[in-house]
Amino acid sequence: MFDWFYRARDWYLSQPRLNFEAITVGAALLVGFLVMPALIYIAGSLTLESYEGGFFSLYYDFFKGLFVPHLTFWW
């Protein structure tokens, strides 16, 4: 049932050091840029109030803040 998982794990762990690091960094950046803002939005909606512009407005403000040099967004 989880044969695909074991094959993917074995492939991932058998990569050369540079490829292994590149895949790991890429996956971490993907999760950080796409998944974490969604989780932050969900947690904020449950505990506080909805974000003013909605879900996609949060993504817009997040990426706008990353490309405009504001230290607040990077902290």
Protein backbone atom coordinates (compact mmCIF):
# COMPACT_ATOMS: atom_id res chain seq x y z
CA MET A 1 0.00 0.00 0.00
CA PHE A 2 2.81 2.43 0.81
CA ASP A 3 5.17 1.08 -1.82
CA TRP A 4 5.29 4.46 -3.57
CA PHE A 5 6.33 6.09 -0.30
CA TYR A 6 9.20 3.67 0.25
CA ARG A 7 10.39 4.07 -3.33
CA ALA A 8 10.27 7.87 -3.03
CA ARG A 9 12.09 7.77 0.30
CA ASP A 10 14.79 5.46 -1.08
CA TRP A 11 15.20 7.68 -4.16
CA TYR A 12 15.42 10.81 -1.99
CA LEU A 13 18.00 9.33 0.36
CA SER A 14 20.11 7.92 -2.48
CA GLN A 15 20.64 11.32 -4.11
CA PRO A 16 24.12 12.86 -4.19
CA ARG A 17 24.75 15.38 -1.43
CA LEU A 18 24.18 18.51 -3.57
CA ASN A 19 20.94 17.19 -5.08
CA PHE A 20 19.72 16.09 -1.65
CA GLU A 21 20.34 19.57 -0.23
CA ALA A 22 18.73 21.28 -3.23
CA ILE A 23 15.60 19.13 -2.97
CA THR A 24 15.39 19.75 0.77
CA VAL A 25 15.76 23.53 0.39
CA GLY A 26 13.25 23.59 -2.45
CA ALA A 27 10.69 21.66 -0.44
CA ALA A 28 11.22 23.91 2.59
CA LEU A 29 10.78 27.05 0.48
CA LEU A 30 7.66 25.64 -1.16
CA VAL A 31 6.12 24.86 2.21
CA GLY A 32 7.21 28.21 3.62
CA PHE A 33 5.82 30.27 0.75
CA LEU A 34 2.63 28.36 -0.04
CA VAL A 35 1.52 26.25 2.91
CA MET A 36 2.46 28.41 5.91
CA PRO A 37 0.46 31.51 4.85
CA ALA A 38 -2.59 29.26 4.43
CA LEU A 39 -2.10 27.81 7.91
CA ILE A 40 -1.61 31.29 9.34
CA TYR A 41 -4.83 32.42 7.67
CA ILE A 42 -6.77 29.46 9.05
CA ALA A 43 -5.40 29.92 12.57
CA GLY A 44 -6.10 33.65 12.46
CA SER A 45 -9.63 33.11 11.19
CA LEU A 46 -10.38 30.65 13.98
CA THR A 47 -8.90 32.65 16.83
CA LEU A 48 -9.24 36.26 15.72
CA GLU A 49 -11.31 37.54 12.84
CA SER A 50 -11.18 37.00 9.10
CA TYR A 51 -8.41 38.73 7.25
CA GLU A 52 -9.69 42.01 5.87
CA GLY A 53 -9.46 41.18 2.17
CA GLY A 54 -9.86 37.43 2.40
CA PHE A 55 -7.60 34.48 1.74
CA PHE A 56 -5.96 35.64 -1.49
CA SER A 57 -5.49 39.13 -0.14
CA LEU A 58 -3.29 37.62 2.56
CA TYR A 59 -1.12 35.97 -0.11
CA TYR A 60 -0.92 39.24 -2.04
CA ASP A 61 0.12 41.21 1.03
CA PHE A 62 2.58 38.48 2.05
CA PHE A 63 4.41 38.41 -1.30
CA LYS A 64 4.25 42.19 -1.65
CA GLY A 65 5.93 42.49 1.74
CA LEU A 66 8.68 40.08 0.73
CA PHE A 67 9.64 42.12 -2.33
CA VAL A 68 9.36 45.52 -0.66
CA PRO A 69 12.20 46.00 1.83
CA HIS A 70 10.22 46.04 5.07
CA LEU A 71 12.00 44.41 7.98
CA THR A 72 8.65 43.55 9.59
CA PHE A 73 7.76 41.09 6.86
CA TRP A 74 11.09 39.32 7.13
CA TRP A 75 10.88 38.88 10.90
